[in-house]
N, C-alpha and C. Protein backbone atom coordinates (compact mmCIF):
# COMPACT_ATOMS: atom_id res chain seq x y z
N MET A 1 46.06 84.85 29.08
CA MET A 1 45.50 84.40 27.59
C MET A 1 46.32 85.72 26.59
N THR A 2 47.49 85.35 26.81
CA THR A 2 48.47 85.83 25.17
C THR A 2 48.59 85.01 24.17
N ASN A 3 49.16 85.52 23.31
CA ASN A 3 49.85 84.79 22.20
C ASN A 3 51.14 84.80 22.03
N ASN A 4 52.00 85.28 22.89
CA ASN A 4 53.51 85.49 22.98
C ASN A 4 53.93 84.05 23.00
N PHE A 5 55.01 83.79 22.21
CA PHE A 5 56.04 82.69 22.29
C PHE A 5 56.86 82.28 23.61
N LEU A 6 56.15 81.76 24.35
CA LEU A 6 57.40 81.69 25.50
C LEU A 6 57.77 80.13 25.82
N PRO A 7 58.96 80.22 26.61
CA PRO A 7 59.57 78.81 27.17
C PRO A 7 58.51 78.43 28.04
N PHE A 8 58.68 77.23 27.84
CA PHE A 8 57.39 76.38 29.15
C PHE A 8 57.73 76.91 30.75
N ASP A 9 59.33 76.74 30.76
CA ASP A 9 59.51 77.28 32.28
C ASP A 9 59.10 78.66 32.49
N THR A 10 59.01 79.71 31.82
CA THR A 10 58.27 80.86 31.75
C THR A 10 56.92 80.79 32.08
N VAL A 11 56.46 79.92 31.22
CA VAL A 11 54.74 79.53 31.51
C VAL A 11 54.63 79.08 32.67
N LYS A 12 55.12 78.33 33.31
CA LYS A 12 55.10 77.74 34.40
C LYS A 12 55.08 79.20 35.38
N LYS A 13 55.94 79.71 35.25
CA LYS A 13 56.04 80.69 36.63
C LYS A 13 54.98 81.69 36.49
N ILE A 14 54.08 82.42 35.27
CA ILE A 14 53.17 83.06 35.06
C ILE A 14 52.07 82.33 35.49
N TYR A 15 51.73 81.07 34.99
CA TYR A 15 50.38 80.29 35.35
C TYR A 15 50.62 79.00 36.12
N PRO A 16 51.04 79.25 37.13
CA PRO A 16 51.17 78.23 38.16
C PRO A 16 50.10 77.29 38.23
N ASP A 17 50.29 76.01 38.35
CA ASP A 17 48.79 74.92 39.07
C ASP A 17 48.06 75.33 37.86
N LYS A 18 48.13 75.27 36.57
CA LYS A 18 46.98 75.85 35.89
C LYS A 18 47.34 74.76 34.52
N TRP A 19 46.34 74.03 33.84
CA TRP A 19 46.07 73.79 32.61
C TRP A 19 46.50 74.73 31.51
N VAL A 20 47.17 74.50 30.89
CA VAL A 20 47.61 75.54 29.30
C VAL A 20 47.45 74.86 28.26
N LEU A 21 46.64 75.42 27.39
CA LEU A 21 46.47 75.57 25.80
C LEU A 21 47.42 76.05 24.98
N LEU A 22 48.52 75.51 24.41
CA LEU A 22 49.41 76.06 23.72
C LEU A 22 49.40 76.02 22.67
N GLY A 23 49.70 76.91 21.53
CA GLY A 23 49.54 77.20 19.85
C GLY A 23 50.96 76.74 19.53
N ASN A 24 51.01 76.06 18.55
CA ASN A 24 52.39 75.90 17.96
C ASN A 24 53.47 75.26 18.96
N PRO A 25 53.28 74.55 19.73
CA PRO A 25 54.41 74.04 20.79
C PRO A 25 55.64 72.86 20.19
N GLU A 26 56.54 73.76 20.68
CA GLU A 26 58.10 73.12 20.57
C GLU A 26 57.85 71.89 21.47
N ILE A 27 57.78 70.51 21.06
CA ILE A 27 57.80 69.38 21.94
C ILE A 27 58.90 68.47 21.34
N ASP A 28 59.80 67.94 22.61
CA ASP A 28 60.78 67.05 22.48
C ASP A 28 60.23 65.78 23.41
N ASN A 29 59.84 64.84 22.30
CA ASN A 29 59.49 63.53 22.97
C ASN A 29 58.05 63.95 23.15
N THR A 30 58.09 63.92 24.73
CA THR A 30 56.87 64.16 25.52
C THR A 30 56.79 65.30 26.29
N ARG A 31 57.97 66.18 26.26
CA ARG A 31 57.90 67.31 27.39
C ARG A 31 58.01 68.43 26.26
N VAL A 32 57.17 69.25 26.81
CA VAL A 32 56.97 70.61 25.77
C VAL A 32 57.90 71.83 26.17
N LEU A 33 58.66 72.36 25.37
CA LEU A 33 59.84 73.08 25.28
C LEU A 33 59.45 74.82 25.51
N SER A 34 58.20 75.11 24.57
CA SER A 34 57.61 76.31 24.80
C SER A 34 56.21 76.28 24.01
N GLY A 35 55.81 77.74 23.45
CA GLY A 35 54.48 77.53 23.19
C GLY A 35 53.63 78.59 23.17
N SER A 36 53.00 79.21 22.45
CA SER A 36 52.15 80.16 22.67
C SER A 36 50.79 79.80 23.30
N VAL A 37 50.79 80.54 24.63
CA VAL A 37 49.53 80.50 25.52
C VAL A 37 48.24 80.89 24.82
N VAL A 38 47.60 80.23 24.55
CA VAL A 38 46.01 80.60 23.81
C VAL A 38 45.32 80.77 25.03
N TYR A 39 45.46 79.88 25.80
CA TYR A 39 44.25 79.57 27.08
C TYR A 39 44.83 78.95 28.16
N HIS A 40 44.31 79.03 29.30
CA HIS A 40 44.45 78.53 31.04
C HIS A 40 43.39 78.79 31.54
N SER A 41 43.41 77.96 32.40
CA SER A 41 42.55 77.66 33.31
C SER A 41 42.95 76.45 34.41
N LYS A 42 42.16 76.25 35.92
CA LYS A 42 42.78 75.09 36.77
C LYS A 42 41.87 73.72 36.02
N ASP A 43 40.82 74.36 35.41
CA ASP A 43 40.07 72.82 35.00
C ASP A 43 40.52 72.77 33.72
N LYS A 44 40.39 71.68 33.43
CA LYS A 44 41.42 70.84 32.19
C LYS A 44 39.90 70.96 31.37
N LYS A 45 38.89 70.34 31.78
CA LYS A 45 37.80 70.23 30.79
C LYS A 45 37.47 71.60 30.21
N GLU A 46 37.58 72.96 30.66
CA GLU A 46 37.52 74.16 30.25
C GLU A 46 38.37 74.39 29.24
N VAL A 47 39.54 73.90 29.83
CA VAL A 47 40.72 74.32 28.45
C VAL A 47 40.23 73.74 27.41
N CYS A 48 40.19 72.44 27.41
CA CYS A 48 39.87 71.62 26.12
C CYS A 48 38.35 72.46 25.47
N TYR A 49 37.52 72.43 26.06
CA TYR A 49 35.95 73.27 25.23
C TYR A 49 35.99 74.47 24.92
N ILE A 50 36.32 75.48 25.76
CA ILE A 50 36.87 77.17 25.81
C ILE A 50 37.81 77.36 24.65
N GLY A 51 39.04 76.41 25.03
CA GLY A 51 40.29 77.00 24.26
C GLY A 51 39.83 76.14 22.72
N SER A 52 39.25 75.28 22.58
CA SER A 52 39.03 74.54 21.23
C SER A 52 38.47 75.65 19.85
N ASP A 53 37.91 76.73 20.46
CA ASP A 53 37.08 77.70 19.25
C ASP A 53 38.43 78.57 19.07
N LYS A 54 39.40 78.56 19.88
CA LYS A 54 40.41 80.07 20.13
C LYS A 54 41.98 79.20 19.06
N THR A 55 41.85 78.05 18.52
CA THR A 55 43.18 77.31 18.00
C THR A 55 43.39 77.42 16.34
N GLN A 56 41.99 78.19 15.92
CA GLN A 56 42.05 78.21 14.22
C GLN A 56 43.37 78.57 13.50
N ALA A 57 44.14 79.50 14.30
CA ALA A 57 45.33 79.99 13.76
C ALA A 57 46.99 79.54 14.03
N TYR A 58 46.50 78.38 14.54
CA TYR A 58 47.60 77.29 14.99
C TYR A 58 47.79 76.28 14.11
N LEU A 59 48.94 75.77 13.83
CA LEU A 59 48.65 74.56 12.90
C LEU A 59 48.79 72.64 14.24
N LYS A 60 49.53 73.34 15.06
CA LYS A 60 49.01 72.22 16.02
C LYS A 60 48.99 72.83 17.44
N VAL A 61 48.08 72.33 18.24
CA VAL A 61 48.11 73.02 19.62
C VAL A 61 48.54 71.65 20.60
N ALA A 62 48.72 72.16 21.87
CA ALA A 62 49.35 70.80 22.95
C ALA A 62 48.30 71.28 24.20
N ILE A 63 47.76 70.57 25.10
CA ILE A 63 47.64 70.90 26.61
C ILE A 63 48.56 70.65 27.51
N ALA A 64 48.90 71.52 28.32
CA ALA A 64 49.78 70.64 29.41
C ALA A 64 49.43 71.30 30.65
N ILE A 65 50.05 70.71 31.91
CA ILE A 65 49.62 71.02 33.09
C ILE A 65 51.17 71.83 33.67
N THR A 66 51.01 73.18 34.47
CA THR A 66 52.37 73.56 34.83
C THR A 66 52.46 73.14 36.47
N GLY A 67 51.56 72.33 36.99
CA GLY A 67 52.14 72.04 38.12
C GLY A 67 52.26 70.21 38.19
N ASP A 68 52.09 69.60 39.44
CA ASP A 68 52.53 68.49 39.73
C ASP A 68 50.96 67.65 39.37
N ILE A 69 51.39 66.84 39.02
CA ILE A 69 50.03 66.00 38.67
C ILE A 69 49.81 64.87 40.28
N LYS A 70 48.87 65.03 40.68
CA LYS A 70 48.82 63.93 41.57
C LYS A 70 47.90 63.01 41.24
N LEU A 71 48.17 61.72 41.57
CA LEU A 71 47.52 60.41 40.92
C LEU A 71 46.55 59.87 42.39
N TYR A 72 45.35 60.28 42.60
CA TYR A 72 44.42 59.85 43.31
C TYR A 72 43.82 58.50 43.05
N ARG A 73 44.34 57.19 42.87
CA ARG A 73 43.66 56.27 42.22
C ARG A 73 43.40 55.44 43.50
N LYS A 74 42.15 54.75 43.78
CA LYS A 74 42.21 53.70 44.39
C LYS A 74 42.02 52.48 43.67
N ILE A 75 42.43 51.70 43.86
CA ILE A 75 42.65 50.08 43.50
C ILE A 75 41.80 49.24 44.28
N GLY A 76 40.74 48.86 43.71
CA GLY A 76 39.76 47.72 44.71
C GLY A 76 40.44 46.49 43.95
N ILE A 77 40.73 45.95 45.54
CA ILE A 77 40.92 44.20 45.25
C ILE A 77 39.53 43.63 45.98
N LEU A 78 39.22 42.63 44.68
CA LEU A 78 37.84 41.42 45.10
C LEU A 78 38.66 40.49 45.67
N ARG A 79 37.79 39.96 47.05
CA ARG A 79 38.25 38.94 47.72
C ARG A 79 37.07 37.72 47.17
N GLN A 80 37.43 36.62 47.02
CA GLN A 80 36.69 35.80 46.79
C GLN A 80 36.17 35.16 48.17
N LEU A 81 35.38 34.72 48.58
CA LEU A 81 34.81 34.24 50.21
C LEU A 81 34.56 32.52 49.85
């Protein structure tokens, strides 16, 4: 939980497979390039709720994941009899 401005590749190495809250992020389209790590956790909800109290010093914030997003969606198919 440091406030150092880091490239996102470095953030991925320091906080693998975690959700990170970044202060004053540099973003290109939808890709996060760098930012200050404000809070991190494996739980996205924790980052949202606990991290929100720590963002007053930043003009903008972003939440990013440092690992792979795995989609486990089951699509139900309805059959008519």
